């Protein structure tokens, strides 16, 4: 089986629960405070690993207490950390998360994540058939360097451009699979998010976003599943209605599981189905990194019901 290389952020999520989110200038009383391993890179790597992919995380930690706790969590979780180094002059990345009901708001302080440079990814031992995954919580020039290196070695590239920010069309075009939510699709395709309420209204901007016919654009829709545009084919992955405890990390879970499926040479339709079910399990637990499900749990659910993938 091929490997998954995740180039991305490692954060400590400082999570406060509250009955509701504060309005601008308002203070509300919280319920609980938690320190939870997170960061989109670490989350996606843990998701891929728990989906039985041999997974290498590429990132940076500060030389501090948060860094110690995160390294211990990731190492105990079974990830390859050969390319995770400490930055003595920078703090470990931190995300300030407020959870109210099933919704969250997040402020990310990059810290050591900002020190991951292009030179750190150009020598990665990537081989033909591997999968390279990245997000936008590390410098964009590093993401581009990782994808260029990966494509040169014959790897598949998977990009989750989150948080959405201006970038070159060249960077988006380096992804073989581009995974966005509705807000990100609207941002990168220059479409009104409010108009993305029907499948047809999602498919059109997704097609416009493609840099080439072979690029797959996946739009995740939360409880409503996902829509993938692959060449002339549109695949609709039906959602699963579950009781949501915490939606933090759901998109990362989807991305990591999709990458793991691709590393096993699974058809894109099967990888999407597995990723969708995995994300529905993720949101039923609190926290990001620790809530990534095992492949056996996902397969058990898929085996109990008819596949939810349709061709439109």
Protein backbone atom coordinates (compact mmCIF):
# COMPACT_ATOMS: atom_id res chain seq x y z
CA UNK A 1 0.00 0.00 0.00
CA UNK A 2 1.22 3.51 -0.76
CA UNK A 3 1.84 6.14 1.90
CA UNK A 4 0.14 9.39 2.82
CA UNK A 5 2.27 12.49 3.46
CA UNK A 6 0.37 15.29 5.21
CA UNK A 7 2.07 18.69 5.02
CA UNK A 8 0.29 20.94 7.48
CA UNK A 9 -0.36 22.56 10.81
CA UNK A 10 -0.12 21.15 14.32
CA UNK A 11 -2.06 23.11 16.94
CA UNK A 12 -3.26 22.86 20.47
CA UNK A 13 -6.98 23.60 20.41
CA UNK A 14 -8.03 25.62 23.45
CA UNK A 15 -11.75 24.88 23.46
CA UNK A 16 -14.37 26.76 25.48
CA UNK A 17 -17.99 25.64 25.54
CA UNK A 18 -20.85 28.11 25.89
CA UNK A 19 -24.62 28.27 25.47
CA UNK A 20 -24.18 30.65 22.55
CA UNK A 21 -21.51 32.57 20.67
CA UNK A 22 -20.87 36.13 21.88
CA UNK A 23 -21.83 39.04 19.66
CA UNK A 24 -19.27 41.70 18.81
CA UNK A 25 -18.13 43.42 22.00
CA UNK A 26 -20.04 41.00 24.23
CA UNK A 27 -18.79 38.66 26.96
CA UNK A 28 -20.63 35.42 27.71
CA UNK A 29 -20.04 32.90 30.47
CA UNK A 30 -18.53 29.62 29.32
CA UNK A 31 -19.11 26.14 30.60
CA UNK A 32 -15.97 24.04 30.22
CA UNK A 33 -12.38 24.54 29.04
CA UNK A 34 -10.47 21.80 27.20
CA UNK A 35 -7.01 21.46 25.68
CA UNK A 36 -7.37 19.19 22.64
CA UNK A 37 -4.77 18.16 20.03
CA UNK A 38 -5.65 19.73 16.67
CA UNK A 39 -4.44 21.65 13.66
CA UNK A 40 -5.70 20.76 10.20
CA UNK A 41 -2.49 18.95 9.29
CA UNK A 42 -2.40 16.85 12.45
CA UNK A 43 -6.13 16.13 12.23
CA UNK A 44 -5.91 14.96 8.63
CA UNK A 45 -2.85 12.85 9.36
CA UNK A 46 -4.52 11.19 12.33
CA UNK A 47 -7.64 10.55 10.25
CA UNK A 48 -5.59 8.93 7.48
CA UNK A 49 -3.62 6.82 9.97
CA UNK A 50 -6.75 5.58 11.71
CA UNK A 51 -8.08 4.72 8.27
CA UNK A 52 -5.15 2.26 8.05
CA UNK A 53 -2.86 4.35 5.84
CA UNK A 54 0.85 4.55 6.60
CA UNK A 55 0.99 8.24 7.37
CA UNK A 56 3.83 10.75 7.64
CA UNK A 57 3.16 14.16 9.18
CA UNK A 58 5.32 17.07 8.03
CA UNK A 59 5.15 20.13 10.28
CA UNK A 60 6.61 22.24 13.06
CA UNK A 61 6.11 22.51 16.82
CA UNK A 62 7.33 25.07 19.31
CA UNK A 63 9.78 24.06 22.02
CA UNK A 64 7.20 24.47 24.77
CA UNK A 65 4.67 22.59 26.91
CA UNK A 66 2.04 22.46 24.15
CA UNK A 67 4.69 21.07 21.82
CA UNK A 68 5.56 18.33 24.31
CA UNK A 69 1.92 17.31 24.72
CA UNK A 70 1.21 17.32 21.01
CA UNK A 71 4.31 15.34 20.10
CA UNK A 72 3.41 12.72 22.70
CA UNK A 73 -0.17 12.46 21.38
CA UNK A 74 0.94 12.13 17.76
CA UNK A 75 3.70 9.62 18.53
CA UNK A 76 1.41 7.49 20.69
CA UNK A 77 -1.15 7.68 17.88
CA UNK A 78 1.26 5.91 15.55
CA UNK A 79 2.17 8.68 13.10
CA UNK A 80 5.60 8.92 11.48
CA UNK A 81 7.14 12.11 12.91
CA UNK A 82 10.56 12.06 11.23
CA UNK A 83 9.71 15.37 9.53
CA UNK A 84 8.19 17.14 12.54
CA UNK A 85 10.77 19.44 14.10
CA UNK A 86 10.84 21.94 16.99
CA UNK A 87 11.20 25.70 16.57
CA UNK A 88 12.84 27.07 19.75
CA UNK A 89 12.03 30.71 18.99
CA UNK A 90 8.32 30.26 18.19
CA UNK A 91 5.36 29.00 20.23
CA UNK A 92 3.40 25.96 19.17
CA UNK A 93 0.42 26.83 16.98
CA UNK A 94 -2.77 27.45 18.92
CA UNK A 95 -6.44 27.53 17.94
CA UNK A 96 -8.95 29.30 20.16
CA UNK A 97 -12.24 27.45 19.66
CA UNK A 98 -15.67 28.37 21.00
CA UNK A 99 -18.29 25.61 20.79
CA UNK A 100 -21.94 26.57 21.22
CA UNK A 101 -24.43 23.84 20.48
CA UNK A 102 -23.19 22.04 17.36
CA UNK A 103 -21.47 25.13 15.89
CA UNK A 104 -17.98 26.48 16.45
CA UNK A 105 -15.90 29.58 15.81
CA UNK A 106 -12.12 29.40 15.57
CA UNK A 107 -9.22 31.85 15.77
CA UNK A 108 -5.87 30.32 14.76
CA UNK A 109 -2.48 31.66 15.92
CA UNK A 110 0.04 29.94 13.57
CA UNK A 111 3.15 30.13 15.74
CA UNK A 112 5.69 27.48 14.68
CA UNK A 113 3.53 26.41 11.73
CA UNK A 114 4.67 29.53 9.90
CA UNK A 115 8.26 28.28 9.96
CA UNK A 116 7.60 25.26 7.72
CA UNK A 117 9.38 26.29 4.51
CA UNK A 118 9.69 25.00 0.93
CA UNK A 119 13.14 23.58 1.67
CA UNK A 120 11.55 21.34 4.32
CA UNK A 121 9.39 19.49 1.78
CA UNK A 122 11.57 19.24 -1.32
CA UNK A 123 13.52 16.25 0.03
CA UNK A 124 10.58 14.22 1.36
CA UNK A 125 10.90 10.53 0.39
CA UNK A 126 7.75 10.56 -1.74
CA UNK A 127 7.36 7.77 -4.31
CA UNK A 128 5.03 6.88 -7.16
CA UNK A 129 1.57 6.05 -5.86
CA UNK A 130 1.89 8.00 -2.61
CA UNK A 131 -0.63 10.69 -1.67
CA UNK A 132 0.43 14.21 -0.64
CA UNK A 133 -2.10 16.22 1.36
CA UNK A 134 -2.00 19.90 2.34
CA UNK A 135 -4.16 22.74 3.65
CA UNK A 136 -3.71 26.49 4.08
CA UNK A 137 -2.54 26.66 7.72
CA UNK A 138 1.13 26.61 6.64
CA UNK A 139 2.81 29.02 4.18
CA UNK A 140 1.35 28.72 0.68
CA UNK A 141 4.79 28.59 -0.93
CA UNK A 142 5.44 25.46 1.15
CA UNK A 143 2.22 23.85 -0.07
CA UNK A 144 3.17 24.63 -3.66
CA UNK A 145 6.68 23.19 -3.21
CA UNK A 146 5.25 20.02 -1.66
CA UNK A 147 2.83 19.51 -4.54
CA UNK A 148 5.45 20.18 -7.20
CA UNK A 149 7.75 17.66 -5.56
CA UNK A 150 4.94 15.16 -5.15
CA UNK A 151 3.82 15.40 -8.76
CA UNK A 152 7.41 15.02 -9.96
CA UNK A 153 7.60 11.75 -8.01
CA UNK A 154 4.30 10.43 -9.37
CA UNK A 155 2.19 11.04 -6.27
CA UNK A 156 -1.47 12.06 -6.10
CA UNK A 157 -2.01 15.53 -4.59
CA UNK A 158 -5.00 16.39 -2.39
CA UNK A 159 -5.63 20.00 -1.36
CA UNK A 160 -8.07 21.28 1.23
CA UNK A 161 -7.63 25.08 0.77
CA UNK A 162 -8.84 26.00 4.23
CA UNK A 163 -8.96 28.56 5.68
CA UNK A 164 -9.85 30.16 2.35
CA UNK A 165 -7.48 32.93 1.33
CA UNK A 166 -6.30 34.48 -1.93
CA UNK A 167 -3.85 32.23 -3.78
CA UNK A 168 -2.62 31.71 -7.31
CA UNK A 169 -4.70 29.62 -9.73
CA UNK A 170 -1.46 27.71 -10.31
CA UNK A 171 -1.51 26.43 -6.74
CA UNK A 172 -5.12 25.23 -6.94
CA UNK A 173 -4.31 23.62 -10.28
CA UNK A 174 -1.53 21.51 -8.74
CA UNK A 175 -4.13 19.50 -6.81
CA UNK A 176 -5.41 16.29 -8.37
CA UNK A 177 -8.26 16.39 -5.86
CA UNK A 178 -9.53 19.71 -4.48
CA UNK A 179 -11.78 19.49 -1.39
CA UNK A 180 -13.82 22.57 -0.44
CA UNK A 181 -16.94 23.29 1.58
CA UNK A 182 -19.70 25.54 0.26
CA UNK A 183 -18.12 28.73 1.62
CA UNK A 184 -14.74 27.86 0.12
CA UNK A 185 -16.31 26.93 -3.20
CA UNK A 186 -17.99 30.33 -3.31
CA UNK A 187 -14.72 32.05 -2.42
CA UNK A 188 -12.51 30.35 -5.00
CA UNK A 189 -15.11 30.12 -7.78
CA UNK A 190 -16.28 33.71 -7.18
CA UNK A 191 -19.86 32.56 -6.63
CA UNK A 192 -22.46 33.81 -4.19
CA UNK A 193 -22.62 31.34 -1.30
CA UNK A 194 -26.32 31.99 -0.85
CA UNK A 195 -26.92 30.73 -4.37
CA UNK A 196 -25.29 27.35 -3.66
CA UNK A 197 -28.49 25.83 -2.33
CA UNK A 198 -29.12 23.19 -5.01
CA UNK A 199 -26.96 20.51 -6.54
CA UNK A 200 -27.01 22.20 -9.93
CA UNK A 201 -25.86 25.49 -8.42
CA UNK A 202 -22.90 23.70 -6.82
CA UNK A 203 -21.91 21.70 -9.88
CA UNK A 204 -21.58 24.72 -12.18
CA UNK A 205 -19.02 26.69 -10.12
CA UNK A 206 -17.19 23.45 -9.28
CA UNK A 207 -16.76 22.77 -13.00
CA UNK A 208 -15.58 26.34 -13.54
CA UNK A 209 -13.02 25.90 -10.78
CA UNK A 210 -11.33 22.92 -12.45
CA UNK A 211 -7.90 23.65 -13.84
CA UNK A 212 -8.04 20.58 -16.11
CA UNK A 213 -10.49 17.82 -16.99
CA UNK A 214 -8.70 15.26 -14.83
CA UNK A 215 -8.98 17.37 -11.67
CA UNK A 216 -11.65 16.22 -9.20
CA UNK A 217 -13.53 18.93 -7.29
CA UNK A 218 -15.25 17.73 -4.11
CA UNK A 219 -17.70 20.00 -2.29
CA UNK A 220 -18.55 18.86 1.23
CA UNK A 221 -22.04 19.74 2.45
CA UNK A 222 -22.01 18.71 6.10
CA UNK A 223 -25.10 16.70 6.99
CA UNK A 224 -26.12 16.80 3.32
CA UNK A 225 -23.10 14.75 2.21
CA UNK A 226 -20.91 15.81 -0.70
CA UNK A 227 -20.86 16.39 -4.45
CA UNK A 228 -17.88 15.47 -6.61
CA UNK A 229 -17.23 16.60 -10.18
CA UNK A 230 -14.92 14.17 -12.00
CA UNK A 231 -14.48 14.81 -15.72
CA UNK A 232 -18.04 14.64 -17.16
CA UNK A 233 -19.36 12.71 -14.17
CA UNK A 234 -21.10 14.14 -11.12
CA UNK A 235 -21.30 11.98 -8.01
CA UNK A 236 -23.73 12.75 -5.19
CA UNK A 237 -22.80 11.31 -1.79
CA UNK A 238 -25.86 11.27 0.45
CA UNK A 239 -25.45 12.66 3.96
CA UNK A 240 -26.04 10.93 7.27
CA UNK A 241 -28.24 12.57 9.89
CA UNK A 242 -26.61 12.13 13.29
CA UNK A 243 -26.59 13.89 16.64
CA UNK A 244 -23.76 16.41 16.38
CA UNK A 245 -21.66 16.90 19.50
CA UNK A 246 -18.83 18.95 17.95
CA UNK A 247 -18.29 19.69 14.26
CA UNK A 248 -14.62 20.69 14.75
CA UNK A 249 -12.41 18.55 12.52
CA UNK A 250 -15.18 17.04 10.39
CA UNK A 251 -13.70 18.39 7.15
CA UNK A 252 -10.25 17.18 8.19
CA UNK A 253 -11.67 13.73 8.90
CA UNK A 254 -13.22 13.67 5.42
CA UNK A 255 -9.96 14.74 3.78
CA UNK A 256 -7.78 12.28 5.69
CA UNK A 257 -10.08 9.35 4.97
CA UNK A 258 -10.31 10.26 1.29
CA UNK A 259 -6.51 10.37 1.08
CA UNK A 260 -6.27 6.98 2.81
CA UNK A 261 -8.71 5.50 0.31
CA UNK A 262 -6.70 6.85 -2.61
CA UNK A 263 -3.51 5.38 -1.11
CA UNK A 264 -5.22 1.96 -1.29
CA UNK A 265 -6.07 2.60 -4.96
CA UNK A 266 -9.77 2.69 -4.14
CA UNK A 267 -12.04 4.19 -6.82
CA UNK A 268 -12.84 7.82 -6.07
CA UNK A 269 -16.51 6.93 -5.51
CA UNK A 270 -15.61 4.38 -2.81
CA UNK A 271 -13.11 6.75 -1.19
CA UNK A 272 -15.78 9.46 -1.07
CA UNK A 273 -18.32 7.12 0.51
CA UNK A 274 -15.87 6.08 3.22
CA UNK A 275 -14.82 9.68 3.90
CA UNK A 276 -18.45 10.78 4.21
CA UNK A 277 -19.31 8.09 6.76
CA UNK A 278 -16.11 8.76 8.71
CA UNK A 279 -16.95 12.46 9.00
CA UNK A 280 -20.42 11.62 10.31
CA UNK A 281 -18.79 9.56 13.07
CA UNK A 282 -16.27 12.31 13.86
CA UNK A 283 -18.92 14.91 14.70
CA UNK A 284 -20.47 12.61 17.31
CA UNK A 285 -17.43 13.03 19.57
CA UNK A 286 -15.86 16.06 21.25
CA UNK A 287 -12.62 17.55 19.97
CA UNK A 288 -10.76 17.28 16.68
CA UNK A 289 -7.71 14.99 16.66
CA UNK A 290 -8.98 12.45 19.22
CA UNK A 291 -12.37 12.07 17.47
CA UNK A 292 -11.08 10.56 14.22
CA UNK A 293 -12.74 7.13 13.78
CA UNK A 294 -11.09 3.80 13.01
CA UNK A 295 -11.58 2.21 9.60
CA UNK A 296 -13.33 -0.79 11.18
CA UNK A 297 -16.02 1.52 12.63
CA UNK A 298 -16.57 3.14 9.24
CA UNK A 299 -16.74 -0.15 7.35
CA UNK A 300 -19.16 -1.53 9.91
CA UNK A 301 -21.58 1.31 9.20
CA UNK A 302 -21.17 1.06 5.43
CA UNK A 303 -21.84 -2.66 5.62
CA UNK A 304 -25.13 -2.10 7.44
CA UNK A 305 -26.72 0.08 4.78
CA UNK A 306 -26.98 0.60 1.07
CA UNK A 307 -24.22 2.76 -0.43
CA UNK A 308 -25.19 6.41 -0.53
CA UNK A 309 -23.37 7.32 -3.73
CA UNK A 310 -25.39 8.30 -6.77
CA UNK A 311 -24.46 9.41 -10.26
CA UNK A 312 -26.23 12.57 -11.42
